[in-house]
Amino acid sequence: MKNIHTFHNLSKEVLCHHLVTQKDKTLPYSFSLALHTNEEKEEILKNRHHFSQYFPQKKFIVANQTHSANIHIVNKHEELGWKSISSAIKNCDALISNKKNIMLTILTADCVPILLFDPIQKVVAAVHAGWKGTQQEILFKTVQKMKKTFNTNPKDILAGIAPSIGKCCYEVDWNVAKYFKDVPDAYEEQHPKYMLDLPHINKLQLLKAGLYETHIEMSKICTACEVEYYFSYRKENACSGRFMSMIGLN
């Protein structure tokens, strides 16, 4: 399908399927896939149906993201949260599974989506890290959960840090920046503001968790700069559109 972003490292792996959606102005709401915002749900469901036709064997898993550090293990081949919010996984910002033919999804419009794949134990994960989740080290904790639950060796994990707002555009006050004052190069001070680098901080969490740096691929795409292709909550003045990052086992 057209209008997607993929990672080089993950694309080489035949055992997993991944992608990040982009805007498509020929579809309702520029192809937003979010049911929890202000668009007409019938139109969003049309978008989801249109998309899922490309993957007839996959069961899509959607969580009710709350900027938490909560992690959920998906252990059944069933669809959750795709056709209604009521069936979405509650209060969760990271999904892990070793089940085939399901697709773990993350919805964002500036926050950092991260996709993980362990080709040895055959495990995938999708993580949503805004500044609150990043401050709670949700990504580091997800790797630890993969290690504990599925015997994953972090050195085997391949990671993709998907399009998100970059340091170039993410201006925060000290009440946010202070949580990252001990993290190397977490922000650039432009008094009285701070330009926070969430993709970089999450990369450091992966390194801390034991991943090889060569196994971590950064998209290097800022959603606010590339607003033609990605929804940006900041650039678009609290937009309700969301794009989706996803990964699953074939």
C-alpha atoms as a PDB file:
ATOM      1  CA  MET A   1       0.000   0.000   0.000  1.00  0.00           C
ATOM      2  CA  LYS A   2       1.081   3.604  -0.503  1.00  0.00           C
ATOM      3  CA  ASN A   3       1.780   6.249   2.131  1.00  0.00           C
ATOM      4  CA  ILE A   4       3.656   4.220   4.732  1.00  0.00           C
ATOM      5  CA  HIS A   5       6.980   4.426   6.544  1.00  0.00           C
ATOM      6  CA  THR A   6       9.050   1.308   7.254  1.00  0.00           C
ATOM      7  CA  PHE A   7      12.384   0.554   8.902  1.00  0.00           C
ATOM      8  CA  HIS A   8      15.288  -0.987   6.980  1.00  0.00           C
ATOM      9  CA  ASN A   9      16.313  -3.312   9.811  1.00  0.00           C
ATOM     10  CA  LEU A  10      12.814  -4.693  10.416  1.00  0.00           C
ATOM     11  CA  SER A  11      12.015  -4.942   6.706  1.00  0.00           C
ATOM     12  CA  LYS A  12      14.760  -7.560   6.299  1.00  0.00           C
ATOM     13  CA  GLU A  13      13.010  -9.860   8.759  1.00  0.00           C
ATOM     14  CA  VAL A  14      10.566 -12.241   7.067  1.00  0.00           C
ATOM     15  CA  LEU A  15       9.145 -13.362  10.409  1.00  0.00           C
ATOM     16  CA  CYS A  16       7.641  -9.973  11.250  1.00  0.00           C
ATOM     17  CA  HIS A  17       5.511  -7.386   9.496  1.00  0.00           C
ATOM     18  CA  HIS A  18       5.575  -3.720  10.455  1.00  0.00           C
ATOM     19  CA  LEU A  19       4.670  -0.291   9.146  1.00  0.00           C
ATOM     20  CA  VAL A  20       3.803   3.268  10.131  1.00  0.00           C
ATOM     21  CA  THR A  21       0.813   4.875   8.397  1.00  0.00           C
ATOM     22  CA  GLN A  22       0.868   8.338   6.893  1.00  0.00           C
ATOM     23  CA  LYS A  23      -1.788  10.851   5.974  1.00  0.00           C
ATOM     24  CA  ASP A  24      -3.851  10.211   2.870  1.00  0.00           C
ATOM     25  CA  LYS A  25      -5.991  13.166   1.870  1.00  0.00           C
ATOM     26  CA  THR A  26      -8.143  10.993  -0.402  1.00  0.00           C
ATOM     27  CA  LEU A  27      -9.591   9.254   2.668  1.00  0.00           C
ATOM     28  CA  PRO A  28     -11.784  10.614   5.509  1.00  0.00           C
ATOM     29  CA  TYR A  29      -9.979  12.884   7.969  1.00  0.00           C
ATOM     30  CA  SER A  30      -6.748  12.417   6.004  1.00  0.00           C
ATOM     31  CA  PHE A  31      -6.727   8.756   7.060  1.00  0.00           C
ATOM     32  CA  SER A  32      -6.835   9.248  10.811  1.00  0.00           C
ATOM     33  CA  LEU A  33      -7.185   5.883  12.568  1.00  0.00           C
ATOM     34  CA  ALA A  34      -8.226   7.149  16.016  1.00  0.00           C
ATOM     35  CA  LEU A  35     -11.613   6.228  17.454  1.00  0.00           C
ATOM     36  CA  HIS A  36     -11.063   8.085  20.735  1.00  0.00           C
ATOM     37  CA  THR A  37     -10.992  11.630  19.312  1.00  0.00           C
ATOM     38  CA  ASN A  38     -13.576  13.952  17.795  1.00  0.00           C
ATOM     39  CA  GLU A  39     -14.083  12.540  14.307  1.00  0.00           C
ATOM     40  CA  GLU A  40     -17.213  10.694  13.247  1.00  0.00           C
ATOM     41  CA  LYS A  41     -16.605   7.109  14.304  1.00  0.00           C
ATOM     42  CA  GLU A  42     -18.277   5.705  11.187  1.00  0.00           C
ATOM     43  CA  GLU A  43     -15.692   7.451   9.011  1.00  0.00           C
ATOM     44  CA  ILE A  44     -12.772   6.234  11.120  1.00  0.00           C
ATOM     45  CA  LEU A  45     -14.141   2.696  10.970  1.00  0.00           C
ATOM     46  CA  LYS A  46     -14.219   3.036   7.179  1.00  0.00           C
ATOM     47  CA  ASN A  47     -10.538   3.974   7.308  1.00  0.00           C
ATOM     48  CA  ARG A  48      -9.732   0.997   9.513  1.00  0.00           C
ATOM     49  CA  HIS A  49     -11.702  -1.358   7.279  1.00  0.00           C
ATOM     50  CA  HIS A  50      -9.962   0.017   4.198  1.00  0.00           C
ATOM     51  CA  PHE A  51      -6.605  -0.563   5.859  1.00  0.00           C
ATOM     52  CA  SER A  52      -7.317  -4.024   7.258  1.00  0.00           C
ATOM     53  CA  GLN A  53      -8.214  -5.335   3.798  1.00  0.00           C
ATOM     54  CA  TYR A  54      -4.487  -5.338   3.044  1.00  0.00           C
ATOM     55  CA  PHE A  55      -3.969  -7.772   5.939  1.00  0.00           C
ATOM     56  CA  PRO A  56      -6.887 -10.231   5.869  1.00  0.00           C
ATOM     57  CA  GLN A  57      -5.157 -12.729   8.181  1.00  0.00           C
ATOM     58  CA  LYS A  58      -4.273 -10.232  10.913  1.00  0.00           C
ATOM     59  CA  LYS A  59      -6.150  -9.500  14.118  1.00  0.00           C
ATOM     60  CA  PHE A  60      -5.527  -5.892  15.175  1.00  0.00           C
ATOM     61  CA  ILE A  61      -4.893  -4.989  18.818  1.00  0.00           C
ATOM     62  CA  VAL A  62      -5.543  -1.441  20.048  1.00  0.00           C
ATOM     63  CA  ALA A  63      -4.983  -0.165  23.592  1.00  0.00           C
ATOM     64  CA  ASN A  64      -6.561   2.714  25.484  1.00  0.00           C
ATOM     65  CA  GLN A  65      -3.337   4.698  25.843  1.00  0.00           C
ATOM     66  CA  THR A  66      -3.079   6.775  29.020  1.00  0.00           C
ATOM     67  CA  HIS A  67       0.590   7.912  29.187  1.00  0.00           C
ATOM     68  CA  SER A  68       1.206   5.194  31.760  1.00  0.00           C
ATOM     69  CA  ALA A  69       4.010   2.661  32.165  1.00  0.00           C
ATOM     70  CA  ASN A  70       1.540  -0.220  31.972  1.00  0.00           C
ATOM     71  CA  ILE A  71       2.484  -3.191  29.784  1.00  0.00           C
ATOM     72  CA  HIS A  72       0.094  -5.848  28.488  1.00  0.00           C
ATOM     73  CA  ILE A  73       0.948  -9.312  27.173  1.00  0.00           C
ATOM     74  CA  VAL A  74      -1.324 -10.293  24.283  1.00  0.00           C
ATOM     75  CA  ASN A  75      -1.635 -14.080  24.440  1.00  0.00           C
ATOM     76  CA  LYS A  76      -4.727 -14.782  22.348  1.00  0.00           C
ATOM     77  CA  HIS A  77      -5.399 -14.598  18.620  1.00  0.00           C
ATOM     78  CA  GLU A  78      -8.287 -12.172  18.827  1.00  0.00           C
ATOM     79  CA  GLU A  79      -9.169  -8.677  17.707  1.00  0.00           C
ATOM     80  CA  LEU A  80      -9.292  -5.998  20.424  1.00  0.00           C
ATOM     81  CA  GLY A  81     -10.211  -2.330  20.111  1.00  0.00           C
ATOM     82  CA  TRP A  82     -10.332  -2.324  16.307  1.00  0.00           C
ATOM     83  CA  LYS A  83     -14.075  -1.965  15.726  1.00  0.00           C
ATOM     84  CA  SER A  84     -14.945  -0.285  19.041  1.00  0.00           C
ATOM     85  CA  ILE A  85     -13.256   1.520  21.916  1.00  0.00           C
ATOM     86  CA  SER A  86     -15.080  -0.649  24.422  1.00  0.00           C
ATOM     87  CA  SER A  87     -13.050  -3.731  23.500  1.00  0.00           C
ATOM     88  CA  ALA A  88      -9.654  -1.950  23.593  1.00  0.00           C
ATOM     89  CA  ILE A  89      -7.098  -2.988  26.212  1.00  0.00           C
ATOM     90  CA  LYS A  90      -7.607  -0.679  29.184  1.00  0.00           C
ATOM     91  CA  ASN A  91      -5.032   1.757  30.573  1.00  0.00           C
ATOM     92  CA  CYS A  92      -2.020   0.468  28.677  1.00  0.00           C
ATOM     93  CA  ASP A  93       0.864   1.955  26.680  1.00  0.00           C
ATOM     94  CA  ALA A  94       2.936  -1.060  25.674  1.00  0.00           C
ATOM     95  CA  LEU A  95       1.914  -4.311  24.030  1.00  0.00           C
ATOM     96  CA  ILE A  96       3.969  -7.513  23.769  1.00  0.00           C
ATOM     97  CA  SER A  97       3.115 -10.793  22.053  1.00  0.00           C
ATOM     98  CA  ASN A  98       4.561 -14.016  20.665  1.00  0.00           C
ATOM     99  CA  LYS A  99       1.341 -14.950  18.860  1.00  0.00           C
ATOM    100  CA  LYS A 100       1.288 -15.072  15.059  1.00  0.00           C
ATOM    101  CA  ASN A 101      -1.061 -13.099  12.833  1.00  0.00           C
ATOM    102  CA  ILE A 102      -1.923 -10.371  15.291  1.00  0.00           C
ATOM    103  CA  MET A 103      -0.876  -6.742  14.817  1.00  0.00           C
ATOM    104  CA  LEU A 104       0.082  -4.655  17.846  1.00  0.00           C
ATOM    105  CA  THR A 105      -0.710  -0.989  17.254  1.00  0.00           C
ATOM    106  CA  ILE A 106       0.135   2.420  18.696  1.00  0.00           C
ATOM    107  CA  LEU A 107      -1.693   5.681  17.887  1.00  0.00           C
ATOM    108  CA  THR A 108       0.257   8.947  18.000  1.00  0.00           C
ATOM    109  CA  ALA A 109       0.435  12.537  16.811  1.00  0.00           C
ATOM    110  CA  ASP A 110       3.829  13.655  18.272  1.00  0.00           C
ATOM    111  CA  CYS A 111       4.530  11.097  21.015  1.00  0.00           C
ATOM    112  CA  VAL A 112       7.202   8.492  20.326  1.00  0.00           C
ATOM    113  CA  PRO A 113       6.103   5.090  18.948  1.00  0.00           C
ATOM    114  CA  ILE A 114       8.683   2.303  19.230  1.00  0.00           C
ATOM    115  CA  LEU A 115       8.537  -1.107  17.529  1.00  0.00           C
ATOM    116  CA  LEU A 116      10.577  -4.061  18.851  1.00  0.00           C
ATOM    117  CA  PHE A 117      11.298  -7.509  17.413  1.00  0.00           C
ATOM    118  CA  ASP A 118      13.173 -10.429  18.933  1.00  0.00           C
ATOM    119  CA  PRO A 119      13.907 -12.785  15.984  1.00  0.00           C
ATOM    120  CA  ILE A 120      15.268 -15.546  18.227  1.00  0.00           C
ATOM    121  CA  GLN A 121      12.368 -15.989  20.654  1.00  0.00           C
ATOM    122  CA  LYS A 122       9.921 -14.615  18.050  1.00  0.00           C
ATOM    123  CA  VAL A 123       8.423 -11.826  20.127  1.00  0.00           C
ATOM    124  CA  VAL A 124       7.194  -8.369  19.081  1.00  0.00           C
ATOM    125  CA  ALA A 125       6.306  -5.240  21.042  1.00  0.00           C
ATOM    126  CA  ALA A 126       4.799  -1.829  20.344  1.00  0.00           C
ATOM    127  CA  VAL A 127       5.356   1.025  22.793  1.00  0.00           C
ATOM    128  CA  HIS A 128       3.828   4.498  23.203  1.00  0.00           C
ATOM    129  CA  ALA A 129       6.157   6.978  24.907  1.00  0.00           C
ATOM    130  CA  GLY A 130       5.082  10.562  25.453  1.00  0.00           C
ATOM    131  CA  TRP A 131       7.100  12.584  27.944  1.00  0.00           C
ATOM    132  CA  LYS A 132       5.263  10.993  30.882  1.00  0.00           C
ATOM    133  CA  GLY A 133       5.822   7.453  29.643  1.00  0.00           C
ATOM    134  CA  THR A 134       9.420   8.286  28.805  1.00  0.00           C
ATOM    135  CA  GLN A 135       9.944   9.716  32.290  1.00  0.00           C
ATOM    136  CA  GLN A 136       8.560   6.452  33.712  1.00  0.00           C
ATOM    137  CA  GLU A 137      10.952   4.484  31.446  1.00  0.00           C
ATOM    138  CA  ILE A 138       8.186   2.495  29.784  1.00  0.00           C
ATOM    139  CA  LEU A 139      10.498   1.433  26.952  1.00  0.00           C
ATOM    140  CA  PHE A 140      13.209   0.130  29.292  1.00  0.00           C
ATOM    141  CA  LYS A 141      10.526  -1.695  31.283  1.00  0.00           C
ATOM    142  CA  THR A 142       9.085  -3.249  28.129  1.00  0.00           C
ATOM    143  CA  VAL A 143      12.450  -4.783  27.238  1.00  0.00           C
ATOM    144  CA  GLN A 144      12.736  -6.066  30.808  1.00  0.00           C
ATOM    145  CA  LYS A 145       9.256  -7.596  30.485  1.00  0.00           C
ATOM    146  CA  MET A 146      10.222  -9.312  27.222  1.00  0.00           C
ATOM    147  CA  LYS A 147      13.303 -10.693  28.971  1.00  0.00           C
ATOM    148  CA  LYS A 148      11.352 -11.964  31.980  1.00  0.00           C
ATOM    149  CA  THR A 149       8.323 -13.356  30.158  1.00  0.00           C
ATOM    150  CA  PHE A 150       9.802 -14.699  26.925  1.00  0.00           C
ATOM    151  CA  ASN A 151      13.488 -15.148  27.782  1.00  0.00           C
ATOM    152  CA  THR A 152      14.456 -12.449  25.293  1.00  0.00           C
ATOM    153  CA  ASN A 153      18.108 -11.486  25.147  1.00  0.00           C
ATOM    154  CA  PRO A 154      18.124  -7.690  24.659  1.00  0.00           C
ATOM    155  CA  LYS A 155      21.132  -8.049  22.357  1.00  0.00           C
ATOM    156  CA  ASP A 156      18.883  -9.884  19.889  1.00  0.00           C
ATOM    157  CA  ILE A 157      16.202  -7.169  19.737  1.00  0.00           C
ATOM    158  CA  LEU A 158      15.803  -5.013  16.647  1.00  0.00           C
ATOM    159  CA  ALA A 159      14.173  -1.629  17.346  1.00  0.00           C
ATOM    160  CA  GLY A 160      12.593   1.104  15.261  1.00  0.00           C
ATOM    161  CA  ILE A 161      11.914   4.530  16.772  1.00  0.00           C
ATOM    162  CA  ALA A 162       9.126   5.874  14.573  1.00  0.00           C
ATOM    163  CA  PRO A 163       8.249   9.444  13.500  1.00  0.00           C
ATOM    164  CA  SER A 164       7.591  11.729  16.470  1.00  0.00           C
ATOM    165  CA  ILE A 165       8.139  15.330  17.434  1.00  0.00           C
ATOM    166  CA  GLY A 166      11.839  16.183  17.431  1.00  0.00           C
ATOM    167  CA  LYS A 167      14.067  18.379  19.539  1.00  0.00           C
ATOM    168  CA  CYS A 168      13.738  20.983  16.792  1.00  0.00           C
ATOM    169  CA  CYS A 169      10.055  21.518  17.661  1.00  0.00           C
ATOM    170  CA  TYR A 170       9.333  20.129  21.134  1.00  0.00           C
ATOM    171  CA  GLU A 171       9.475  23.172  23.391  1.00  0.00           C
ATOM    172  CA  VAL A 172       8.716  22.517  27.065  1.00  0.00           C
ATOM    173  CA  ASP A 173       8.908  24.360  30.380  1.00  0.00           C
ATOM    174  CA  TRP A 174      11.199  23.411  33.247  1.00  0.00           C
ATOM    175  CA  ASN A 175       8.339  21.565  34.941  1.00  0.00           C
ATOM    176  CA  VAL A 176       8.766  18.934  32.199  1.00  0.00           C
ATOM    177  CA  ALA A 177      12.465  19.280  31.408  1.00  0.00           C
ATOM    178  CA  LYS A 178      13.425  18.805  35.071  1.00  0.00           C
ATOM    179  CA  TYR A 179      12.538  15.117  34.905  1.00  0.00           C
ATOM    180  CA  PHE A 180      15.322  14.603  32.389  1.00  0.00           C
ATOM    181  CA  LYS A 181      18.020  16.824  33.899  1.00  0.00           C
ATOM    182  CA  ASP A 182      20.267  13.830  34.591  1.00  0.00           C
ATOM    183  CA  VAL A 183      19.890  12.343  31.101  1.00  0.00           C
ATOM    184  CA  PRO A 184      22.804  13.173  28.760  1.00  0.00           C
ATOM    185  CA  ASP A 185      21.795  15.566  25.955  1.00  0.00           C
ATOM    186  CA  ALA A 186      18.116  15.252  26.845  1.00  0.00           C
ATOM    187  CA  TYR A 187      17.373  18.840  25.922  1.00  0.00           C
ATOM    188  CA  GLU A 188      18.820  22.078  24.653  1.00  0.00           C
ATOM    189  CA  GLU A 189      18.203  25.074  26.865  1.00  0.00           C
ATOM    190  CA  GLN A 190      16.732  28.128  25.178  1.00  0.00           C
ATOM    191  CA  HIS A 191      15.903  30.138  28.265  1.00  0.00           C
ATOM    192  CA  PRO A 192      13.233  30.187  29.592  1.00  0.00           C
ATOM    193  CA  LYS A 193      12.254  27.188  27.423  1.00  0.00           C
ATOM    194  CA  TYR A 194      13.839  23.793  26.782  1.00  0.00           C
ATOM    195  CA  MET A 195      13.894  21.831  23.514  1.00  0.00           C
ATOM    196  CA  LEU A 196      13.307  18.241  24.628  1.00  0.00           C
ATOM    197  CA  ASP A 197      14.632  15.289  22.588  1.00  0.00           C
ATOM    198  CA  LEU A 198      12.278  12.376  23.323  1.00  0.00           C
ATOM    199  CA  PRO A 199      13.512  10.070  20.522  1.00  0.00           C
ATOM    200  CA  HIS A 200      17.076  10.394  21.843  1.00  0.00           C
ATOM    201  CA  ILE A 201      16.013   9.724  25.445  1.00  0.00           C
ATOM    202  CA  ASN A 202      14.182   6.586  24.359  1.00  0.00           C
ATOM    203  CA  LYS A 203      17.207   5.423  22.418  1.00  0.00           C
ATOM    204  CA  LEU A 204      19.245   5.763  25.610  1.00  0.00           C
ATOM    205  CA  GLN A 205      16.676   3.591  27.404  1.00  0.00           C
ATOM    206  CA  LEU A 206      17.163   0.885  24.797  1.00  0.00           C
ATOM    207  CA  LEU A 207      20.926   1.048  25.225  1.00  0.00           C
ATOM    208  CA  LYS A 208      20.490   0.890  28.993  1.00  0.00           C
ATOM    209  CA  ALA A 209      18.285  -2.183  28.524  1.00  0.00           C
ATOM    210  CA  GLY A 210      21.101  -3.918  26.657  1.00  0.00           C
ATOM    211  CA  LEU A 211      20.351  -3.429  22.956  1.00  0.00           C
ATOM    212  CA  TYR A 212      23.185  -2.990  20.483  1.00  0.00           C
ATOM    213  CA  GLU A 213      23.262   0.541  19.073  1.00  0.00           C
ATOM    214  CA  THR A 214      23.501  -0.935  15.568  1.00  0.00           C
ATOM    215  CA  HIS A 215      20.139  -2.660  16.193  1.00  0.00           C
ATOM    216  CA  ILE A 216      18.345   0.642  16.881  1.00  0.00           C
ATOM    217  CA  GLU A 217      17.026   2.496  13.840  1.00  0.00           C
ATOM    218  CA  MET A 218      15.840   6.082  14.231  1.00  0.00           C
ATOM    219  CA  SER A 219      13.327   7.404  11.713  1.00  0.00           C
ATOM    220  CA  LYS A 220      14.810  10.906  12.150  1.00  0.00           C
ATOM    221  CA  ILE A 221      11.412  12.273  11.106  1.00  0.00           C
ATOM    222  CA  CYS A 222       9.837  15.083  13.112  1.00  0.00           C
ATOM    223  CA  THR A 223       6.049  14.983  12.930  1.00  0.00           C
ATOM    224  CA  ALA A 224       5.793  18.763  13.391  1.00  0.00           C
ATOM    225  CA  CYS A 225       8.227  19.393  10.528  1.00  0.00           C
ATOM    226  CA  GLU A 226       6.621  16.734   8.308  1.00  0.00           C
ATOM    227  CA  VAL A 227       3.029  17.650   9.063  1.00  0.00           C
ATOM    228  CA  GLU A 228       2.097  17.037   5.436  1.00  0.00           C
ATOM    229  CA  TYR A 229       2.636  13.321   6.082  1.00  0.00           C
ATOM    230  CA  TYR A 230       2.036  12.880   9.824  1.00  0.00           C
ATOM    231  CA  PHE A 231      -0.462  14.222  12.335  1.00  0.00           C
ATOM    232  CA  SER A 232       1.104  16.630  14.822  1.00  0.00           C
ATOM    233  CA  TYR A 233      -0.818  17.652  17.924  1.00  0.00           C
ATOM    234  CA  ARG A 234       1.395  20.697  18.432  1.00  0.00           C
ATOM    235  CA  LYS A 235       1.785  21.874  14.852  1.00  0.00           C
ATOM    236  CA  GLU A 236      -1.895  21.413  14.076  1.00  0.00           C
ATOM    237  CA  ASN A 237      -3.180  23.115  17.235  1.00  0.00           C
ATOM    238  CA  ALA A 238      -4.441  20.060  19.143  1.00  0.00           C
ATOM    239  CA  CYS A 239      -5.513  18.059  16.088  1.00  0.00           C
ATOM    240  CA  SER A 240      -7.678  14.998  16.642  1.00  0.00           C
ATOM    241  CA  GLY A 241      -6.074  12.897  13.899  1.00  0.00           C
ATOM    242  CA  ARG A 242      -3.673  10.051  14.724  1.00  0.00           C
ATOM    243  CA  PHE A 243      -1.423   7.852  12.618  1.00  0.00           C
ATOM    244  CA  MET A 244      -0.663   4.270  13.578  1.00  0.00           C
ATOM    245  CA  SER A 245       2.593   2.361  14.114  1.00  0.00           C
ATOM    246  CA  MET A 246       2.288  -1.423  14.187  1.00  0.00           C
ATOM    247  CA  ILE A 247       4.160  -4.694  14.263  1.00  0.00           C
ATOM    248  CA  GLY A 248       3.187  -8.370  14.175  1.00  0.00           C
ATOM    249  CA  LEU A 249       4.529 -11.887  13.633  1.00  0.00           C
ATOM    250  CA  ASN A 250       3.903 -13.651  10.331  1.00  0.00           C
END
